[in-house]
Every structure is written in C-alpha cells, then in structure tokens.
C-alpha cells in the first residue's frame, strides 16, 4: 500500500512539474521581449533609409521594439506587410500588424501576392476590400514572382488590369515588386512608369537594371527586435523624403 501511495505522489509531482513548465513557457518565455544585438547582416553602404517587409512567417510583430532598434546608427523607417494573395487569401497576421503599426513612427505599406493566371481585376478588388490605406501610407504593392504556366502576353495583360484597378481606387501608381531577372524577362519597358521594388538578395552590389529602382530588397536573413524570425531588409534609393513623396 505504501508503494502505491509513493507511486501516486511521484505521478502527481511529475504532472505538476509539466503543468508548471507549460505555464512558464506560455506566459513568461513567450512574453519576453525579442531583442538582438544587431541586425545580423551587412547593410549596404551609402543608404540611410531602411525598412523591412513581413508576412505570416514573422507572425505578430512588436512594432515598438522595431521602431526603437538601432544598429550602428541605422534604424528601421518603413515596413511593408503582405495583405492578400490571389483572389481570396488574406494573410492571417495582416490586420493585427497593420493596425498596431499605426501607433509608431514607421511608414507602412501593404502588398498583394499576384497570381498571373487569375483575374487581375479580381485580385485588386480583394486587396481593396481588405486594406484600408490612409494618407501617409505607401501606395499598394503588387508582388509578382511566378509565371504559373501563363504566357508573357497574358501575364502583362492580367498585371495591367490589376494595376489599373488599384490606381483608380487609390489615385497613385502602385509599386511593382519583382526580382531583377523576372522584371527584365516578363515585364520590361511596358511597366517602367511604375515605381520598382527590386529583389536582389544577399549581394554586395546594388541591382543592375535597365530602369531606375525605388526600393532594393537586399537580404532575407536579417534580425530585428520584436520579430521572432528572420526578416527581409530593404533600402531606399534616396532619402526618407523620396519615400514620403510617393505616399498617399
């Protein structure tokens, strides 16, 4: 009988320990500020306006920590977040991050992940119904990375429909995000009137394109306080005023 009681006591103690560890992890460790000693990457020289872009992979962002972080005098000035994809998908963390960032001195922007094989107008409509862009926000961004078996002509047609719909709504030309190679191969001069956000990862030299670029996404492995994941880093081809000039 004594051994049974001792066994039961050990079981209870183990159960209490497991519950305690769970509570400690959930309510203490998960609430600790996420901080890093630096951005963890090499920042391209000669640029003074830096930003990040986030999606569901970065989960809920602590924008206060983002806005206060500095590394060798450099700070984050803007953040662009994924809002929609295709005609129906909405990023699960968009609303929370979009609303929370407004309390801090960061220029905010939102992008839609474009599917060339779907209606450009429908994708723009989904973005418009999801994102409440305000004065001071960046114009909408269209992220185009995939072909999805679509011909070049149809890619251009669908993308143009999307851009036209967004410009009609927000009265500003949208920004196009693409890799340099994708832009040159599938878009080219037909879209040079739109601001260009160039993806050119982890290279020490700036994007070499046949046109001007506004933003350069130079690294996808940065670290930023308030974000429990690696994050994309960007620089502006100009000053903070260059970015503000194109805002709504």
Protein backbone atom coordinates (compact mmCIF):
# COMPACT_ATOMS: atom_id res chain seq x y z
CA UNK A 1 0.00 0.00 0.00
CA UNK A 2 2.86 2.38 0.88
CA UNK A 3 4.49 1.81 -2.54
CA UNK A 4 1.22 2.60 -4.29
CA UNK A 5 0.92 5.89 -2.40
CA UNK A 6 4.52 6.78 -3.21
CA UNK A 7 3.93 5.98 -6.88
CA UNK A 8 0.82 8.12 -6.93
CA UNK A 9 2.70 11.00 -5.28
CA UNK A 10 5.51 10.80 -7.86
CA UNK A 11 2.90 10.85 -10.65
CA UNK A 12 1.25 13.96 -9.16
CA UNK A 13 4.61 15.70 -8.77
CA UNK A 14 5.53 14.98 -12.39
CA UNK A 15 2.14 16.25 -13.55
CA UNK A 16 2.53 19.46 -11.51
CA UNK A 17 6.04 19.95 -12.96
CA UNK A 18 4.81 19.53 -16.53
CA UNK A 19 1.94 21.96 -15.97
CA UNK A 20 4.36 24.42 -14.40
CA UNK A 21 6.74 24.19 -17.36
CA UNK A 22 3.85 24.75 -19.77
CA UNK A 23 2.64 27.82 -17.88
CA UNK A 24 6.19 29.17 -17.61
CA UNK A 25 6.74 28.80 -21.34
CA UNK A 26 3.37 30.18 -22.36
CA UNK A 27 3.09 33.13 -20.02
CA UNK A 28 6.69 34.05 -19.27
CA UNK A 29 9.06 32.98 -22.01
CA UNK A 30 6.59 33.89 -24.78
CA UNK A 31 6.12 37.37 -23.27
CA UNK A 32 9.79 38.24 -23.03
CA UNK A 33 10.89 40.97 -25.45
CA UNK A 34 12.55 39.61 -28.59
CA UNK A 35 15.83 41.52 -28.87
CA UNK A 36 19.05 41.09 -30.83
CA UNK A 37 22.48 42.75 -30.53
CA UNK A 38 22.28 43.95 -34.16
CA UNK A 39 20.55 43.36 -37.50
CA UNK A 40 22.72 40.30 -38.08
CA UNK A 41 23.51 41.18 -41.70
CA UNK A 42 25.71 43.55 -43.65
CA UNK A 43 23.83 46.72 -44.53
CA UNK A 44 24.73 48.15 -47.96
CA UNK A 45 26.88 51.26 -47.64
CA UNK A 46 25.65 54.62 -48.81
CA UNK A 47 21.97 54.24 -47.89
CA UNK A 48 20.25 55.86 -44.93
CA UNK A 49 16.61 54.80 -45.27
CA UNK A 50 15.97 51.20 -44.24
CA UNK A 51 12.88 49.06 -43.99
CA UNK A 52 11.56 45.54 -43.58
CA UNK A 53 8.78 43.51 -45.11
CA UNK A 54 6.80 40.87 -43.25
CA UNK A 55 4.14 38.22 -43.76
CA UNK A 56 2.63 35.39 -41.73
CA UNK A 57 6.10 33.90 -41.27
CA UNK A 58 7.04 36.73 -38.90
CA UNK A 59 3.71 36.35 -37.03
CA UNK A 60 2.65 39.21 -34.74
CA UNK A 61 5.25 41.97 -34.73
CA UNK A 62 6.14 44.18 -31.76
CA UNK A 63 6.34 47.47 -33.65
CA UNK A 64 7.53 49.42 -30.62
CA UNK A 65 10.70 47.32 -30.49
CA UNK A 66 11.10 47.58 -34.26
CA UNK A 67 10.83 51.36 -34.21
CA UNK A 68 13.32 51.76 -31.36
CA UNK A 69 16.05 49.42 -32.63
CA UNK A 70 19.28 50.89 -33.99
CA UNK A 71 22.43 49.26 -35.35
CA UNK A 72 25.47 51.49 -35.91
CA UNK A 73 23.18 54.49 -36.11
CA UNK A 74 20.83 52.89 -38.65
CA UNK A 75 17.16 52.34 -37.87
CA UNK A 76 14.01 50.99 -39.49
CA UNK A 77 11.92 53.71 -41.14
CA UNK A 78 9.27 51.72 -43.02
CA UNK A 79 7.57 48.33 -43.07
CA UNK A 80 5.60 46.67 -45.84
CA UNK A 81 3.37 43.72 -45.00
CA UNK A 82 1.62 41.05 -47.01
CA UNK A 83 -2.12 41.64 -47.10
CA UNK A 84 -3.61 39.36 -49.75
CA UNK A 85 -2.77 36.63 -52.22
CA UNK A 86 -4.72 35.89 -55.37
CA UNK A 87 -8.46 36.48 -55.27
CA UNK A 88 -9.39 35.14 -51.82
CA UNK A 89 -6.48 34.58 -49.42
CA UNK A 90 -5.75 37.11 -46.66
CA UNK A 91 -2.59 36.93 -44.56
CA UNK A 92 -3.61 35.77 -41.09
CA UNK A 93 -1.48 38.37 -39.27
CA UNK A 94 -2.15 41.31 -41.57
CA UNK A 95 -4.98 43.02 -39.72
CA UNK A 96 -3.22 42.86 -36.35
CA UNK A 97 0.12 44.09 -37.67
CA UNK A 98 -1.50 46.73 -39.88
CA UNK A 99 -3.50 48.23 -37.04
CA UNK A 100 -0.73 48.04 -34.43
CA UNK A 101 1.95 49.74 -36.53
CA UNK A 102 -0.07 52.96 -36.72
CA UNK A 103 0.95 53.79 -33.13
CA UNK A 104 4.61 54.15 -34.11
CA UNK A 105 6.68 56.44 -36.37
CA UNK A 106 7.02 53.99 -39.24
CA UNK A 107 5.77 54.43 -42.79
CA UNK A 108 3.56 51.46 -43.54
CA UNK A 109 2.70 49.70 -46.78
CA UNK A 110 0.81 46.62 -47.91
CA UNK A 111 1.24 44.22 -50.80
CA UNK A 112 -0.74 41.64 -52.70
CA UNK A 113 0.93 38.47 -53.93
CA UNK A 114 -0.07 38.24 -57.57
CA UNK A 115 -1.16 35.12 -59.47
CA UNK A 116 -0.72 35.75 -63.22
CA UNK A 117 -3.17 33.00 -64.14
CA UNK A 118 -6.04 34.69 -62.25
CA UNK A 119 -8.06 37.81 -62.92
CA UNK A 120 -6.02 40.92 -62.25
CA UNK A 121 -9.15 42.92 -61.56
CA UNK A 122 -10.44 40.36 -59.04
CA UNK A 123 -7.10 40.33 -57.22
CA UNK A 124 -7.11 44.11 -56.99
CA UNK A 125 -10.69 44.07 -55.70
CA UNK A 126 -9.75 41.59 -52.98
CA UNK A 127 -6.87 43.83 -51.90
CA UNK A 128 -9.08 46.93 -51.92
CA UNK A 129 -11.71 45.25 -49.76
CA UNK A 130 -9.04 44.11 -47.29
CA UNK A 131 -6.67 47.08 -46.92
CA UNK A 132 -7.71 50.49 -45.62
CA UNK A 133 -4.91 52.66 -46.99
CA UNK A 134 -4.73 56.11 -45.42
CA UNK A 135 -2.94 59.36 -46.18
CA UNK A 136 0.77 58.86 -45.42
CA UNK A 137 0.73 55.16 -46.35
CA UNK A 138 2.71 53.82 -49.28
CA UNK A 139 0.73 53.09 -52.44
CA UNK A 140 -0.30 49.46 -52.92
CA UNK A 141 2.41 46.99 -53.91
CA UNK A 142 1.95 44.16 -56.39
CA UNK A 143 4.37 41.30 -55.74
CA UNK A 144 4.85 39.27 -58.92
CA UNK A 145 7.22 36.31 -58.83
CA UNK A 146 5.56 33.39 -60.61
CA UNK A 147 4.52 32.54 -64.16
CA UNK A 148 2.12 29.71 -63.30
CA UNK A 149 2.11 28.46 -66.90
CA UNK A 150 0.92 31.83 -68.20
CA UNK A 151 2.22 33.34 -71.43
CA UNK A 152 4.14 36.60 -71.32
CA UNK A 153 1.34 38.48 -73.05
CA UNK A 154 -1.26 37.20 -70.60
CA UNK A 155 0.99 37.98 -67.64
CA UNK A 156 1.23 41.56 -68.83
CA UNK A 157 -2.49 41.79 -69.52
CA UNK A 158 -3.54 40.46 -66.12
CA UNK A 159 -0.97 42.56 -64.27
CA UNK A 160 -2.04 45.71 -66.11
CA UNK A 161 -5.68 45.09 -65.18
CA UNK A 162 -4.65 44.79 -61.54
CA UNK A 163 -2.51 47.93 -61.59
CA UNK A 164 -5.21 49.96 -63.34
CA UNK A 165 -7.82 48.96 -60.77
CA UNK A 166 -5.55 49.83 -57.86
CA UNK A 167 -4.55 53.18 -59.35
CA UNK A 168 -8.18 54.05 -60.00
CA UNK A 169 -9.03 53.39 -56.35
CA UNK A 170 -6.02 54.97 -54.61
CA UNK A 171 -5.11 57.62 -57.20
CA UNK A 172 -1.43 56.68 -57.06
CA UNK A 173 0.61 54.42 -59.28
CA UNK A 174 1.18 51.10 -57.48
CA UNK A 175 4.66 49.78 -56.78
CA UNK A 176 5.78 46.63 -58.60
CA UNK A 177 7.89 44.13 -56.65
CA UNK A 178 9.86 41.56 -58.63
CA UNK A 179 13.31 40.12 -58.99
CA UNK A 180 15.50 41.93 -61.49
CA UNK A 181 15.61 38.88 -63.77
CA UNK A 182 11.83 38.36 -63.66
CA UNK A 183 11.17 42.02 -64.41
CA UNK A 184 13.54 42.10 -67.37
CA UNK A 185 12.26 38.82 -68.81
CA UNK A 186 8.49 39.22 -68.42
CA UNK A 187 7.65 42.89 -67.88
CA UNK A 188 10.28 45.13 -69.40
CA UNK A 189 9.66 48.64 -70.65
CA UNK A 190 5.87 48.28 -70.64
CA UNK A 191 5.82 48.83 -66.87
CA UNK A 192 8.61 51.35 -66.42
CA UNK A 193 6.13 54.06 -65.41
CA UNK A 194 5.56 52.27 -62.09
CA UNK A 195 7.89 52.52 -59.07
CA UNK A 196 10.07 49.42 -58.91
CA UNK A 197 10.92 47.44 -55.77
CA UNK A 198 13.78 45.19 -56.82
CA UNK A 199 14.56 41.88 -55.15
CA UNK A 200 18.30 41.33 -55.33
CA UNK A 201 19.25 39.11 -52.40
CA UNK A 202 22.46 38.98 -50.45
CA UNK A 203 24.68 40.68 -52.98
CA UNK A 204 27.07 43.47 -52.20
CA UNK A 205 26.24 45.42 -55.34
CA UNK A 206 23.00 47.26 -55.99
CA UNK A 207 20.53 45.96 -58.59
CA UNK A 208 21.66 46.38 -62.18
CA UNK A 209 18.52 47.08 -64.13
CA UNK A 210 17.60 48.82 -67.35
CA UNK A 211 15.47 51.23 -65.34
CA UNK A 212 15.51 53.10 -62.03
CA UNK A 213 14.55 51.31 -58.84
CA UNK A 214 12.91 52.81 -55.74
CA UNK A 215 13.49 50.07 -53.14
CA UNK A 216 16.09 47.31 -53.04
CA UNK A 217 15.34 44.16 -51.07
CA UNK A 218 18.93 43.17 -50.37
CA UNK A 219 18.69 40.43 -47.73
CA UNK A 220 16.17 37.90 -46.46
CA UNK A 221 18.03 36.82 -43.32
CA UNK A 222 18.01 39.93 -41.16
CA UNK A 223 17.11 40.14 -37.48
CA UNK A 224 15.03 42.86 -35.95
CA UNK A 225 13.87 43.40 -32.39
CA UNK A 226 10.25 42.47 -31.91
CA UNK A 227 10.27 39.76 -34.60
CA UNK A 228 10.83 36.11 -33.74
CA UNK A 229 12.04 35.10 -37.22
CA UNK A 230 14.41 36.13 -39.96
CA UNK A 231 13.10 39.07 -41.94
CA UNK A 232 13.67 40.78 -45.31
CA UNK A 233 15.66 44.02 -45.27
CA UNK A 234 15.37 46.85 -47.78
CA UNK A 235 16.95 50.20 -48.62
CA UNK A 236 15.51 53.20 -50.44
CA UNK A 237 17.22 54.71 -53.47
CA UNK A 238 17.19 58.16 -51.89
CA UNK A 239 16.19 59.67 -48.56
CA UNK A 240 13.14 59.25 -46.37
CA UNK A 241 11.66 62.17 -48.30
CA UNK A 242 11.93 60.11 -51.51
CA UNK A 243 9.65 57.55 -49.89
CA UNK A 244 7.27 60.12 -48.44
CA UNK A 245 6.88 61.80 -51.79
CA UNK A 246 5.14 58.76 -53.26
CA UNK A 247 2.88 58.10 -50.27
CA UNK A 248 -0.87 58.67 -50.47
